[in-house]
Amino acid sequence: NNLLSHVQNIFFTKHLYMAVVTATTNSTQFQTVHDLFDLIAYALNHN
């Protein structure tokens, strides 16, 4: 969110999608990355 606040004036007119995941003890490296891409795909599907 801090990063977005610094650059929001540059990307104000663009359709920008962002998702964030955090590594947890219950997920593997693959699962963490896969979940991240699932979140972006969901955001794209639902605009």
ModelCIF file with pLDDT and N, C-alpha, C, O atoms, coordinates in Angstrom:
data_MODEL
#
_entry.id   MODEL 
#
_entity.id                         1 
_entity.type                       polymer 
_entity.pdbx_number_of_molecules   1 
#
_entity_poly.entity_id                      1 
_entity_poly.type                           'polypeptide(L)' 
_entity_poly.nstd_linkage                   no 
_entity_poly.nstd_monomer                   no 
_entity_poly.pdbx_seq_one_letter_code       NNLLSHVQNIFFTKHLYMAVVTATTNSTQFQTVHDLFDLIAYALNHN 
_entity_poly.pdbx_seq_one_letter_code_can   NNLLSHVQNIFFTKHLYMAVVTATTNSTQFQTVHDLFDLIAYALNHN 
_entity_poly.pdbx_strand_id                 A 
#
loop_
_entity_poly_seq.entity_id 
_entity_poly_seq.num 
_entity_poly_seq.mon_id 
_entity_poly_seq.hetero 
1 1  ASN n 
1 2  ASN n 
1 3  LEU n 
1 4  LEU n 
1 5  SER n 
1 6  HIS n 
1 7  VAL n 
1 8  GLN n 
1 9  ASN n 
1 10 ILE n 
1 11 PHE n 
1 12 PHE n 
1 13 THR n 
1 14 LYS n 
1 15 HIS n 
1 16 LEU n 
1 17 TYR n 
1 18 MET n 
1 19 ALA n 
1 20 VAL n 
1 21 VAL n 
1 22 THR n 
1 23 ALA n 
1 24 THR n 
1 25 THR n 
1 26 ASN n 
1 27 SER n 
1 28 THR n 
1 29 GLN n 
1 30 PHE n 
1 31 GLN n 
1 32 THR n 
1 33 VAL n 
1 34 HIS n 
1 35 ASP n 
1 36 LEU n 
1 37 PHE n 
1 38 ASP n 
1 39 LEU n 
1 40 ILE n 
1 41 ALA n 
1 42 TYR n 
1 43 ALA n 
1 44 LEU n 
1 45 ASN n 
1 46 HIS n 
1 47 ASN n 
#
_struct_asym.id          A 
_struct_asym.entity_id   1 
#
loop_
_ma_qa_metric.id 
_ma_qa_metric.mode 
_ma_qa_metric.name 
_ma_qa_metric.software_group_id 
_ma_qa_metric.type 
1 global pLDDT . pLDDT 
2 local  pLDDT . pLDDT 
#
_ma_qa_metric_global.metric_id      1 
_ma_qa_metric_global.metric_value   88.55 
_ma_qa_metric_global.model_id       1 
_ma_qa_metric_global.ordinal_id     1 
#
loop_
_ma_qa_metric_local.label_asym_id 
_ma_qa_metric_local.label_comp_id 
_ma_qa_metric_local.label_seq_id 
_ma_qa_metric_local.metric_id 
_ma_qa_metric_local.metric_value 
_ma_qa_metric_local.model_id 
_ma_qa_metric_local.ordinal_id 
A ASN 1  2 93.00 1 1  
A ASN 2  2 92.00 1 2  
A LEU 3  2 90.00 1 3  
A LEU 4  2 87.00 1 4  
A SER 5  2 85.00 1 5  
A HIS 6  2 82.00 1 6  
A VAL 7  2 79.00 1 7  
A GLN 8  2 78.00 1 8  
A ASN 9  2 80.00 1 9  
A ILE 10 2 79.00 1 10 
A PHE 11 2 77.00 1 11 
A PHE 12 2 75.00 1 12 
A THR 13 2 73.00 1 13 
A LYS 14 2 79.00 1 14 
A HIS 15 2 84.00 1 15 
A LEU 16 2 86.00 1 16 
A TYR 17 2 90.00 1 17 
A MET 18 2 92.00 1 18 
A ALA 19 2 94.00 1 19 
A VAL 20 2 96.00 1 20 
A VAL 21 2 96.00 1 21 
A THR 22 2 95.00 1 22 
A ALA 23 2 92.00 1 23 
A THR 24 2 88.00 1 24 
A THR 25 2 83.00 1 25 
A ASN 26 2 82.00 1 26 
A SER 27 2 84.00 1 27 
A THR 28 2 91.00 1 28 
A GLN 29 2 92.00 1 29 
A PHE 30 2 94.00 1 30 
A GLN 31 2 94.00 1 31 
A THR 32 2 94.00 1 32 
A VAL 33 2 95.00 1 33 
A HIS 34 2 94.00 1 34 
A ASP 35 2 94.00 1 35 
A LEU 36 2 95.00 1 36 
A PHE 37 2 95.00 1 37 
A ASP 38 2 94.00 1 38 
A LEU 39 2 94.00 1 39 
A ILE 40 2 93.00 1 40 
A ALA 41 2 92.00 1 41 
A TYR 42 2 93.00 1 42 
A ALA 43 2 91.00 1 43 
A LEU 44 2 89.00 1 44 
A ASN 45 2 89.00 1 45 
A HIS 46 2 91.00 1 46 
A ASN 47 2 87.00 1 47 
#
loop_
_atom_site.group_PDB 
_atom_site.id 
_atom_site.type_symbol 
_atom_site.label_atom_id 
_atom_site.label_alt_id 
_atom_site.label_comp_id 
_atom_site.label_asym_id 
_atom_site.label_entity_id 
_atom_site.label_seq_id 
_atom_site.pdbx_PDB_ins_code 
_atom_site.Cartn_x 
_atom_site.Cartn_y 
_atom_site.Cartn_z 
_atom_site.occupancy 
_atom_site.B_iso_or_equiv 
_atom_site.pdbx_formal_charge 
_atom_site.auth_seq_id 
_atom_site.auth_comp_id 
_atom_site.auth_asym_id 
_atom_site.auth_atom_id 
_atom_site.pdbx_PDB_model_num 
ATOM 1   N N  . ASN A 1 1  ? 0.824   -1.216  0.000   1.00 93.00 ? 1  ASN A N  1 
ATOM 2   C CA . ASN A 1 1  ? 0.000   0.000   0.000   1.00 93.00 ? 1  ASN A CA 1 
ATOM 3   C C  . ASN A 1 1  ? 0.853   1.258   0.000   1.00 93.00 ? 1  ASN A C  1 
ATOM 4   O O  . ASN A 1 1  ? 0.536   2.221   -0.698  1.00 93.00 ? 1  ASN A O  1 
ATOM 5   N N  . ASN A 1 2  ? 1.930   1.261   0.775   1.00 92.00 ? 2  ASN A N  1 
ATOM 6   C CA . ASN A 1 2  ? 2.838   2.412   0.771   1.00 92.00 ? 2  ASN A CA 1 
ATOM 7   C C  . ASN A 1 2  ? 3.450   2.615   -0.609  1.00 92.00 ? 2  ASN A C  1 
ATOM 8   O O  . ASN A 1 2  ? 3.584   3.744   -1.081  1.00 92.00 ? 2  ASN A O  1 
ATOM 9   N N  . LEU A 1 3  ? 3.813   1.529   -1.237  1.00 90.00 ? 3  LEU A N  1 
ATOM 10  C CA . LEU A 1 3  ? 4.384   1.602   -2.579  1.00 90.00 ? 3  LEU A CA 1 
ATOM 11  C C  . LEU A 1 3  ? 3.380   2.194   -3.560  1.00 90.00 ? 3  LEU A C  1 
ATOM 12  O O  . LEU A 1 3  ? 3.728   3.048   -4.376  1.00 90.00 ? 3  LEU A O  1 
ATOM 13  N N  . LEU A 1 4  ? 2.148   1.742   -3.477  1.00 87.00 ? 4  LEU A N  1 
ATOM 14  C CA . LEU A 1 4  ? 1.106   2.290   -4.353  1.00 87.00 ? 4  LEU A CA 1 
ATOM 15  C C  . LEU A 1 4  ? 0.861   3.769   -4.098  1.00 87.00 ? 4  LEU A C  1 
ATOM 16  O O  . LEU A 1 4  ? 0.629   4.532   -5.036  1.00 87.00 ? 4  LEU A O  1 
ATOM 17  N N  . SER A 1 5  ? 0.909   4.172   -2.857  1.00 85.00 ? 5  SER A N  1 
ATOM 18  C CA . SER A 1 5  ? 0.663   5.589   -2.558  1.00 85.00 ? 5  SER A CA 1 
ATOM 19  C C  . SER A 1 5  ? 1.752   6.489   -3.151  1.00 85.00 ? 5  SER A C  1 
ATOM 20  O O  . SER A 1 5  ? 1.487   7.639   -3.502  1.00 85.00 ? 5  SER A O  1 
ATOM 21  N N  . HIS A 1 6  ? 2.966   5.967   -3.259  1.00 82.00 ? 6  HIS A N  1 
ATOM 22  C CA . HIS A 1 6  ? 4.060   6.761   -3.843  1.00 82.00 ? 6  HIS A CA 1 
ATOM 23  C C  . HIS A 1 6  ? 3.934   6.900   -5.361  1.00 82.00 ? 6  HIS A C  1 
ATOM 24  O O  . HIS A 1 6  ? 4.392   7.890   -5.931  1.00 82.00 ? 6  HIS A O  1 
ATOM 25  N N  . VAL A 1 7  ? 3.321   5.920   -6.011  1.00 79.00 ? 7  VAL A N  1 
ATOM 26  C CA . VAL A 1 7  ? 3.288   5.939   -7.481  1.00 79.00 ? 7  VAL A CA 1 
ATOM 27  C C  . VAL A 1 7  ? 1.883   6.085   -8.048  1.00 79.00 ? 7  VAL A C  1 
ATOM 28  O O  . VAL A 1 7  ? 1.694   5.967   -9.259  1.00 79.00 ? 7  VAL A O  1 
ATOM 29  N N  . GLN A 1 8  ? 0.893   6.341   -7.195  1.00 78.00 ? 8  GLN A N  1 
ATOM 30  C CA . GLN A 1 8  ? -0.484  6.392   -7.682  1.00 78.00 ? 8  GLN A CA 1 
ATOM 31  C C  . GLN A 1 8  ? -0.715  7.500   -8.710  1.00 78.00 ? 8  GLN A C  1 
ATOM 32  O O  . GLN A 1 8  ? -1.558  7.349   -9.595  1.00 78.00 ? 8  GLN A O  1 
ATOM 33  N N  . ASN A 1 9  ? 0.009   8.594   -8.608  1.00 80.00 ? 9  ASN A N  1 
ATOM 34  C CA . ASN A 1 9  ? -0.189  9.663   -9.598  1.00 80.00 ? 9  ASN A CA 1 
ATOM 35  C C  . ASN A 1 9  ? 0.308   9.243   -10.983 1.00 80.00 ? 9  ASN A C  1 
ATOM 36  O O  . ASN A 1 9  ? -0.189  9.749   -11.989 1.00 80.00 ? 9  ASN A O  1 
ATOM 37  N N  . ILE A 1 10 ? 1.271   8.335   -11.054 1.00 79.00 ? 10 ILE A N  1 
ATOM 38  C CA . ILE A 1 10 ? 1.783   7.862   -12.343 1.00 79.00 ? 10 ILE A CA 1 
ATOM 39  C C  . ILE A 1 10 ? 0.806   6.872   -12.975 1.00 79.00 ? 10 ILE A C  1 
ATOM 40  O O  . ILE A 1 10 ? 0.608   6.888   -14.190 1.00 79.00 ? 10 ILE A O  1 
ATOM 41  N N  . PHE A 1 11 ? 0.195   6.013   -12.161 1.00 77.00 ? 11 PHE A N  1 
ATOM 42  C CA . PHE A 1 11 ? -0.670  4.946   -12.661 1.00 77.00 ? 11 PHE A CA 1 
ATOM 43  C C  . PHE A 1 11 ? -2.152  5.239   -12.467 1.00 77.00 ? 11 PHE A C  1 
ATOM 44  O O  . PHE A 1 11 ? -2.980  4.332   -12.550 1.00 77.00 ? 11 PHE A O  1 
ATOM 45  N N  . PHE A 1 12 ? -2.490  6.491   -12.212 1.00 75.00 ? 12 PHE A N  1 
ATOM 46  C CA . PHE A 1 12 ? -3.869  6.862   -11.902 1.00 75.00 ? 12 PHE A CA 1 
ATOM 47  C C  . PHE A 1 12 ? -4.841  6.485   -13.024 1.00 75.00 ? 12 PHE A C  1 
ATOM 48  O O  . PHE A 1 12 ? -5.951  6.035   -12.740 1.00 75.00 ? 12 PHE A O  1 
ATOM 49  N N  . THR A 1 13 ? -4.457  6.655   -14.269 1.00 73.00 ? 13 THR A N  1 
ATOM 50  C CA . THR A 1 13 ? -5.355  6.389   -15.392 1.00 73.00 ? 13 THR A CA 1 
ATOM 51  C C  . THR A 1 13 ? -5.256  4.959   -15.906 1.00 73.00 ? 13 THR A C  1 
ATOM 52  O O  . THR A 1 13 ? -5.933  4.612   -16.874 1.00 73.00 ? 13 THR A O  1 
ATOM 53  N N  . LYS A 1 14 ? -4.448  4.140   -15.299 1.00 79.00 ? 14 LYS A N  1 
ATOM 54  C CA . LYS A 1 14 ? -4.242  2.757   -15.749 1.00 79.00 ? 14 LYS A CA 1 
ATOM 55  C C  . LYS A 1 14 ? -5.050  1.794   -14.882 1.00 79.00 ? 14 LYS A C  1 
ATOM 56  O O  . LYS A 1 14 ? -5.353  2.082   -13.724 1.00 79.00 ? 14 LYS A O  1 
ATOM 57  N N  . HIS A 1 15 ? -5.387  0.657   -15.460 1.00 84.00 ? 15 HIS A N  1 
ATOM 58  C CA . HIS A 1 15 ? -6.026  -0.417  -14.716 1.00 84.00 ? 15 HIS A CA 1 
ATOM 59  C C  . HIS A 1 15 ? -4.901  -1.233  -14.089 1.00 84.00 ? 15 HIS A C  1 
ATOM 60  O O  . HIS A 1 15 ? -4.251  -2.032  -14.763 1.00 84.00 ? 15 HIS A O  1 
ATOM 61  N N  . LEU A 1 16 ? -4.683  -1.028  -12.817 1.00 86.00 ? 16 LEU A N  1 
ATOM 62  C CA . LEU A 1 16 ? -3.570  -1.643  -12.113 1.00 86.00 ? 16 LEU A CA 1 
ATOM 63  C C  . LEU A 1 16 ? -4.116  -2.690  -11.141 1.00 86.00 ? 16 LEU A C  1 
ATOM 64  O O  . LEU A 1 16 ? -5.015  -2.410  -10.348 1.00 86.00 ? 16 LEU A O  1 
ATOM 65  N N  . TYR A 1 17 ? -3.561  -3.891  -11.217 1.00 90.00 ? 17 TYR A N  1 
ATOM 66  C CA . TYR A 1 17 ? -3.963  -4.988  -10.350 1.00 90.00 ? 17 TYR A CA 1 
ATOM 67  C C  . TYR A 1 17 ? -2.774  -5.371  -9.484  1.00 90.00 ? 17 TYR A C  1 
ATOM 68  O O  . TYR A 1 17 ? -1.655  -5.505  -9.979  1.00 90.00 ? 17 TYR A O  1 
ATOM 69  N N  . MET A 1 18 ? -3.018  -5.547  -8.182  1.00 92.00 ? 18 MET A N  1 
ATOM 70  C CA . MET A 1 18 ? -1.941  -5.937  -7.284  1.00 92.00 ? 18 MET A CA 1 
ATOM 71  C C  . MET A 1 18 ? -2.476  -6.941  -6.279  1.00 92.00 ? 18 MET A C  1 
ATOM 72  O O  . MET A 1 18 ? -3.584  -6.800  -5.761  1.00 92.00 ? 18 MET A O  1 
ATOM 73  N N  . ALA A 1 19 ? -1.670  -7.951  -6.017  1.00 94.00 ? 19 ALA A N  1 
ATOM 74  C CA . ALA A 1 19 ? -1.998  -8.940  -4.994  1.00 94.00 ? 19 ALA A CA 1 
ATOM 75  C C  . ALA A 1 19 ? -0.757  -9.170  -4.152  1.00 94.00 ? 19 ALA A C  1 
ATOM 76  O O  . ALA A 1 19 ? 0.368   -9.013  -4.628  1.00 94.00 ? 19 ALA A O  1 
ATOM 77  N N  . VAL A 1 20 ? -0.970  -9.544  -2.893  1.00 96.00 ? 20 VAL A N  1 
ATOM 78  C CA . VAL A 1 20 ? 0.136   -9.775  -1.967  1.00 96.00 ? 20 VAL A CA 1 
ATOM 79  C C  . VAL A 1 20 ? -0.105  -11.088 -1.237  1.00 96.00 ? 20 VAL A C  1 
ATOM 80  O O  . VAL A 1 20 ? -1.213  -11.352 -0.770  1.00 96.00 ? 20 VAL A O  1 
ATOM 81  N N  . VAL A 1 21 ? 0.933   -11.910 -1.139  1.00 96.00 ? 21 VAL A N  1 
ATOM 82  C CA . VAL A 1 21 ? 0.887   -13.119 -0.323  1.00 96.00 ? 21 VAL A CA 1 
ATOM 83  C C  . VAL A 1 21 ? 2.125   -13.137 0.564   1.00 96.00 ? 21 VAL A C  1 
ATOM 84  O O  . VAL A 1 21 ? 3.148   -12.528 0.248   1.00 96.00 ? 21 VAL A O  1 
ATOM 85  N N  . THR A 1 22 ? 2.009   -13.840 1.665   1.00 95.00 ? 22 THR A N  1 
ATOM 86  C CA . THR A 1 22 ? 3.122   -13.977 2.598   1.00 95.00 ? 22 THR A CA 1 
ATOM 87  C C  . THR A 1 22 ? 3.402   -15.455 2.791   1.00 95.00 ? 22 THR A C  1 
ATOM 88  O O  . THR A 1 22 ? 2.477   -16.261 2.893   1.00 95.00 ? 22 THR A O  1 
ATOM 89  N N  . ALA A 1 23 ? 4.665   -15.806 2.842   1.00 92.00 ? 23 ALA A N  1 
ATOM 90  C CA . ALA A 1 23 ? 5.052   -17.190 3.068   1.00 92.00 ? 23 ALA A CA 1 
ATOM 91  C C  . ALA A 1 23 ? 4.580   -17.636 4.448   1.00 92.00 ? 23 ALA A C  1 
ATOM 92  O O  . ALA A 1 23 ? 4.736   -16.915 5.434   1.00 92.00 ? 23 ALA A O  1 
ATOM 93  N N  . THR A 1 24 ? 4.007   -18.821 4.503   1.00 88.00 ? 24 THR A N  1 
ATOM 94  C CA . THR A 1 24 ? 3.560   -19.381 5.773   1.00 88.00 ? 24 THR A CA 1 
ATOM 95  C C  . THR A 1 24 ? 4.148   -20.778 5.932   1.00 88.00 ? 24 THR A C  1 
ATOM 96  O O  . THR A 1 24 ? 4.591   -21.393 4.962   1.00 88.00 ? 24 THR A O  1 
ATOM 97  N N  . THR A 1 25 ? 4.144   -21.260 7.140   1.00 83.00 ? 25 THR A N  1 
ATOM 98  C CA . THR A 1 25 ? 4.697   -22.591 7.397   1.00 83.00 ? 25 THR A CA 1 
ATOM 99  C C  . THR A 1 25 ? 3.846   -23.690 6.776   1.00 83.00 ? 25 THR A C  1 
ATOM 100 O O  . THR A 1 25 ? 4.318   -24.814 6.604   1.00 83.00 ? 25 THR A O  1 
ATOM 101 N N  . ASN A 1 26 ? 2.602   -23.380 6.439   1.00 82.00 ? 26 ASN A N  1 
ATOM 102 C CA . ASN A 1 26 ? 1.693   -24.378 5.862   1.00 82.00 ? 26 ASN A CA 1 
ATOM 103 C C  . ASN A 1 26 ? 1.797   -24.479 4.344   1.00 82.00 ? 26 ASN A C  1 
ATOM 104 O O  . ASN A 1 26 ? 1.196   -25.374 3.748   1.00 82.00 ? 26 ASN A O  1 
ATOM 105 N N  . SER A 1 27 ? 2.540   -23.586 3.710   1.00 84.00 ? 27 SER A N  1 
ATOM 106 C CA . SER A 1 27 ? 2.583   -23.610 2.250   1.00 84.00 ? 27 SER A CA 1 
ATOM 107 C C  . SER A 1 27 ? 4.016   -23.742 1.740   1.00 84.00 ? 27 SER A C  1 
ATOM 108 O O  . SER A 1 27 ? 4.967   -23.269 2.363   1.00 84.00 ? 27 SER A O  1 
ATOM 109 N N  . THR A 1 28 ? 4.135   -24.383 0.617   1.00 91.00 ? 28 THR A N  1 
ATOM 110 C CA . THR A 1 28 ? 5.432   -24.531 -0.028  1.00 91.00 ? 28 THR A CA 1 
ATOM 111 C C  . THR A 1 28 ? 5.719   -23.291 -0.859  1.00 91.00 ? 28 THR A C  1 
ATOM 112 O O  . THR A 1 28 ? 4.864   -22.420 -1.023  1.00 91.00 ? 28 THR A O  1 
ATOM 113 N N  . GLN A 1 29 ? 6.908   -23.232 -1.367  1.00 92.00 ? 29 GLN A N  1 
ATOM 114 C CA . GLN A 1 29 ? 7.309   -22.123 -2.245  1.00 92.00 ? 29 GLN A CA 1 
ATOM 115 C C  . GLN A 1 29 ? 6.403   -22.096 -3.469  1.00 92.00 ? 29 GLN A C  1 
ATOM 116 O O  . GLN A 1 29 ? 5.943   -21.030 -3.877  1.00 92.00 ? 29 GLN A O  1 
ATOM 117 N N  . PHE A 1 30 ? 6.145   -23.262 -4.057  1.00 94.00 ? 30 PHE A N  1 
ATOM 118 C CA . PHE A 1 30 ? 5.266   -23.339 -5.221  1.00 94.00 ? 30 PHE A CA 1 
ATOM 119 C C  . PHE A 1 30 ? 3.868   -22.857 -4.876  1.00 94.00 ? 30 PHE A C  1 
ATOM 120 O O  . PHE A 1 30 ? 3.273   -22.084 -5.626  1.00 94.00 ? 30 PHE A O  1 
ATOM 121 N N  . GLN A 1 31 ? 3.338   -23.310 -3.742  1.00 94.00 ? 31 GLN A N  1 
ATOM 122 C CA . GLN A 1 31 ? 1.977   -22.943 -3.362  1.00 94.00 ? 31 GLN A CA 1 
ATOM 123 C C  . GLN A 1 31 ? 1.844   -21.447 -3.111  1.00 94.00 ? 31 GLN A C  1 
ATOM 124 O O  . GLN A 1 31 ? 0.826   -20.849 -3.461  1.00 94.00 ? 31 GLN A O  1 
ATOM 125 N N  . THR A 1 32 ? 2.852   -20.842 -2.515  1.00 94.00 ? 32 THR A N  1 
ATOM 126 C CA . THR A 1 32 ? 2.834   -19.407 -2.257  1.00 94.00 ? 32 THR A CA 1 
ATOM 127 C C  . THR A 1 32 ? 2.742   -18.629 -3.561  1.00 94.00 ? 32 THR A C  1 
ATOM 128 O O  . THR A 1 32 ? 1.921   -17.720 -3.689  1.00 94.00 ? 32 THR A O  1 
ATOM 129 N N  . VAL A 1 33 ? 3.578   -18.981 -4.525  1.00 95.00 ? 33 VAL A N  1 
ATOM 130 C CA . VAL A 1 33 ? 3.570   -18.306 -5.829  1.00 95.00 ? 33 VAL A CA 1 
ATOM 131 C C  . VAL A 1 33 ? 2.276   -18.598 -6.576  1.00 95.00 ? 33 VAL A C  1 
ATOM 132 O O  . VAL A 1 33 ? 1.709   -17.705 -7.205  1.00 95.00 ? 33 VAL A O  1 
ATOM 133 N N  . HIS A 1 34 ? 1.808   -19.828 -6.514  1.00 94.00 ? 34 HIS A N  1 
ATOM 134 C CA . HIS A 1 34 ? 0.564   -20.210 -7.187  1.00 94.00 ? 34 HIS A CA 1 
ATOM 135 C C  . HIS A 1 34 ? -0.620  -19.409 -6.630  1.00 94.00 ? 34 HIS A C  1 
ATOM 136 O O  . HIS A 1 34 ? -1.463  -18.931 -7.389  1.00 94.00 ? 34 HIS A O  1 
ATOM 137 N N  . ASP A 1 35 ? -0.676  -19.268 -5.310  1.00 94.00 ? 35 ASP A N  1 
ATOM 138 C CA . ASP A 1 35 ? -1.752  -18.479 -4.686  1.00 94.00 ? 35 ASP A CA 1 
ATOM 139 C C  . ASP A 1 35 ? -1.715  -17.029 -5.149  1.00 94.00 ? 35 ASP A C  1 
ATOM 140 O O  . ASP A 1 35 ? -2.760  -16.413 -5.360  1.00 94.00 ? 35 ASP A O  1 
ATOM 141 N N  . LEU A 1 36 ? -0.522  -16.489 -5.304  1.00 95.00 ? 36 LEU A N  1 
ATOM 142 C CA . LEU A 1 36 ? -0.362  -15.109 -5.761  1.00 95.00 ? 36 LEU A CA 1 
ATOM 143 C C  . LEU A 1 36 ? -0.952  -14.928 -7.154  1.00 95.00 ? 36 LEU A C  1 
ATOM 144 O O  . LEU A 1 36 ? -1.678  -13.967 -7.406  1.00 95.00 ? 36 LEU A O  1 
ATOM 145 N N  . PHE A 1 37 ? -0.640  -15.848 -8.050  1.00 95.00 ? 37 PHE A N  1 
ATOM 146 C CA . PHE A 1 37 ? -1.176  -15.769 -9.404  1.00 95.00 ? 37 PHE A CA 1 
ATOM 147 C C  . PHE A 1 37 ? -2.681  -16.022 -9.425  1.00 95.00 ? 37 PHE A C  1 
ATOM 148 O O  . PHE A 1 37 ? -3.389  -15.451 -10.255 1.00 95.00 ? 37 PHE A O  1 
ATOM 149 N N  . ASP A 1 38 ? -3.177  -16.865 -8.528  1.00 94.00 ? 38 ASP A N  1 
ATOM 150 C CA . ASP A 1 38 ? -4.627  -17.068 -8.422  1.00 94.00 ? 38 ASP A CA 1 
ATOM 151 C C  . ASP A 1 38 ? -5.339  -15.776 -8.032  1.00 94.00 ? 38 ASP A C  1 
ATOM 152 O O  . ASP A 1 38 ? -6.408  -15.468 -8.560  1.00 94.00 ? 38 ASP A O  1 
ATOM 153 N N  . LEU A 1 39 ? -4.746  -15.022 -7.109  1.00 94.00 ? 39 LEU A N  1 
ATOM 154 C CA . LEU A 1 39 ? -5.344  -13.755 -6.686  1.00 94.00 ? 39 LEU A CA 1 
ATOM 155 C C  . LEU A 1 39 ? -5.416  -12.752 -7.836  1.00 94.00 ? 39 LEU A C  1 
ATOM 156 O O  . LEU A 1 39 ? -6.424  -12.066 -8.001  1.00 94.00 ? 39 LEU A O  1 
ATOM 157 N N  . ILE A 1 40 ? -4.345  -12.665 -8.631  1.00 93.00 ? 40 ILE A N  1 
ATOM 158 C CA . ILE A 1 40 ? -4.356  -11.747 -9.775  1.00 93.00 ? 40 ILE A CA 1 
ATOM 159 C C  . ILE A 1 40 ? -5.367  -12.214 -10.819 1.00 93.00 ? 40 ILE A C  1 
ATOM 160 O O  . ILE A 1 40 ? -6.084  -11.393 -11.391 1.00 93.00 ? 40 ILE A O  1 
ATOM 161 N N  . ALA A 1 41 ? -5.435  -13.521 -11.075 1.00 92.00 ? 41 ALA A N  1 
ATOM 162 C CA . ALA A 1 41 ? -6.395  -14.035 -12.039 1.00 92.00 ? 41 ALA A CA 1 
ATOM 163 C C  . ALA A 1 41 ? -7.829  -13.742 -11.579 1.00 92.00 ? 41 ALA A C  1 
ATOM 164 O O  . ALA A 1 41 ? -8.680  -13.385 -12.394 1.00 92.00 ? 41 ALA A O  1 
ATOM 165 N N  . TYR A 1 42 ? -8.093  -13.890 -10.298 1.00 93.00 ? 42 TYR A N  1 
ATOM 166 C CA . TYR A 1 42 ? -9.405  -13.565 -9.752  1.00 93.00 ? 42 TYR A CA 1 
ATOM 167 C C  . TYR A 1 42 ? -9.718  -12.082 -9.955  1.00 93.00 ? 42 TYR A C  1 
ATOM 168 O O  . TYR A 1 42 ? -10.817 -11.723 -10.375 1.00 93.00 ? 42 TYR A O  1 
ATOM 169 N N  . ALA A 1 43 ? -8.750  -11.237 -9.656  1.00 91.00 ? 43 ALA A N  1 
ATOM 170 C CA . ALA A 1 43 ? -8.952  -9.791  -9.830  1.00 91.00 ? 43 ALA A CA 1 
ATOM 171 C C  . ALA A 1 43 ? -9.216  -9.449  -11.290 1.00 91.00 ? 43 ALA A C  1 
ATOM 172 O O  . ALA A 1 43 ? -10.059 -8.601  -11.583 1.00 91.00 ? 43 ALA A O  1 
ATOM 173 N N  . LEU A 1 44 ? -8.512  -10.093 -12.201 1.00 89.00 ? 44 LEU A N  1 
ATOM 174 C CA . LEU A 1 44 ? -8.741  -9.833  -13.624 1.00 89.00 ? 44 LEU A CA 1 
ATOM 175 C C  . LEU A 1 44 ? -10.118 -10.311 -14.060 1.00 89.00 ? 44 LEU A C  1 
ATOM 176 O O  . LEU A 1 44 ? -10.813 -9.612  -14.797 1.00 89.00 ? 44 LEU A O  1 
ATOM 177 N N  . ASN A 1 45 ? -10.516 -11.497 -13.610 1.00 89.00 ? 45 ASN A N  1 
ATOM 178 C CA . ASN A 1 45 ? -11.830 -12.039 -13.974 1.00 89.00 ? 45 ASN A CA 1 
ATOM 179 C C  . ASN A 1 45 ? -12.982 -11.184 -13.460 1.00 89.00 ? 45 ASN A C  1 
ATOM 180 O O  . ASN A 1 45 ? -14.040 -11.114 -14.084 1.00 89.00 ? 45 ASN A O  1 
ATOM 181 N N  . HIS A 1 46 ? -12.769 -10.536 -12.320 1.00 91.00 ? 46 HIS A N  1 
ATOM 182 C CA . HIS A 1 46 ? -13.839 -9.750  -11.693 1.00 91.00 ? 46 HIS A CA 1 
ATOM 183 C C  . HIS A 1 46 ? -13.590 -8.249  -11.778 1.00 91.00 ? 46 HIS A C  1 
ATOM 184 O O  . HIS A 1 46 ? -14.271 -7.465  -11.117 1.00 91.00 ? 46 HIS A O  1 
ATOM 185 N N  . ASN A 1 47 ? -12.617 -7.851  -12.587 1.00 87.00 ? 47 ASN A N  1 
ATOM 186 C CA . ASN A 1 47 ? -12.322 -6.447  -12.831 1.00 87.00 ? 47 ASN A CA 1 
ATOM 187 C C  . ASN A 1 47 ? -12.115 -5.666  -11.525 1.00 87.00 ? 47 ASN A C  1 
ATOM 188 O O  . ASN A 1 47 ? -11.857 -4.463  -11.559 1.00 87.00 ? 47 ASN A O  1 
#
